[in-house]
Protein backbone atom coordinates (compact mmCIF):
# COMPACT_ATOMS: atom_id res chain seq x y z
CA MET A 1 72.90 44.61 32.80
CA THR A 2 70.19 42.22 33.90
CA TYR A 3 70.24 40.17 37.07
CA LEU A 4 70.91 37.02 35.06
CA GLU A 5 73.89 38.62 33.32
CA LYS A 6 75.29 39.80 36.64
CA LYS A 7 74.86 36.29 38.05
CA LYS A 8 76.68 34.73 35.09
CA ASN A 9 79.52 37.27 35.34
CA LEU A 10 79.89 36.59 39.06
CA LYS A 11 79.93 32.85 38.45
CA LYS A 12 82.67 33.24 35.83
CA ALA A 13 84.70 35.47 38.16
CA ILE A 14 84.44 32.99 41.03
CA GLU A 15 85.42 30.07 38.79
CA SER A 16 88.52 31.96 37.63
CA LEU A 17 89.85 32.41 41.19
CA SER A 18 92.59 30.20 42.55
CA ASP A 19 91.96 28.27 45.76
CA GLU A 20 94.07 30.80 47.67
CA GLN A 21 92.14 33.74 46.24
CA LEU A 22 88.85 32.02 46.96
CA ASP A 23 89.88 31.39 50.58
CA GLU A 24 90.87 35.04 50.96
CA ALA A 25 87.59 36.23 49.44
CA LEU A 26 85.58 33.98 51.77
CA PHE A 27 87.59 35.24 54.75
CA LEU A 28 86.85 38.86 53.79
CA ILE A 29 83.15 38.11 53.29
CA GLU A 30 82.96 36.48 56.74
CA LYS A 31 84.77 39.48 58.25
CA VAL A 32 82.26 41.90 56.70
CA ILE A 33 79.34 39.76 57.91
CA ASN A 34 80.72 39.78 61.46
CA GLN A 35 81.20 43.55 61.37
CA ASP A 36 77.63 43.98 60.14
CA GLU A 37 76.34 41.83 63.00
CA LYS A 38 78.24 44.00 65.49
CA ARG A 39 76.79 47.14 63.88
CA LYS A 40 73.29 45.68 64.03
CA GLU A 41 73.69 44.85 67.71
CA TYR A 42 75.01 48.35 68.39
CA VAL A 43 72.08 50.01 66.59
CA ILE A 44 69.54 47.80 68.36
CA ASP A 45 71.15 48.66 71.71
CA LEU A 46 70.94 52.38 70.88
CA LEU A 47 67.28 52.05 69.91
CA VAL A 48 66.47 50.31 73.19
CA LYS A 49 68.30 52.99 75.19
CA GLU A 50 66.56 55.73 73.25
CA SER A 51 63.18 54.07 73.79
CA ASN A 52 63.86 53.81 77.52
CA LEU A 53 64.89 57.46 77.62
CA PHE A 54 61.67 58.57 75.90
CA ASP A 55 59.61 56.37 78.23
CA ARG A 56 61.21 58.02 81.26
CA LEU A 57 60.69 61.49 79.80
CA ALA A 58 57.03 60.69 79.11
CA GLN A 59 56.37 59.86 82.77
């Protein structure tokens, strides 16, 4: 399936949703985005701590 076909299928699927289903889907997408942001912040924090640890060990 090409990208264009996938895009058309997604558009058809979205158009077939009721307003309630669309609201629920948007809510779930926002929830996933927020969780990903938290994960990104957590990983960045770990990388900074690890970097600081290696800097101290190198001294």
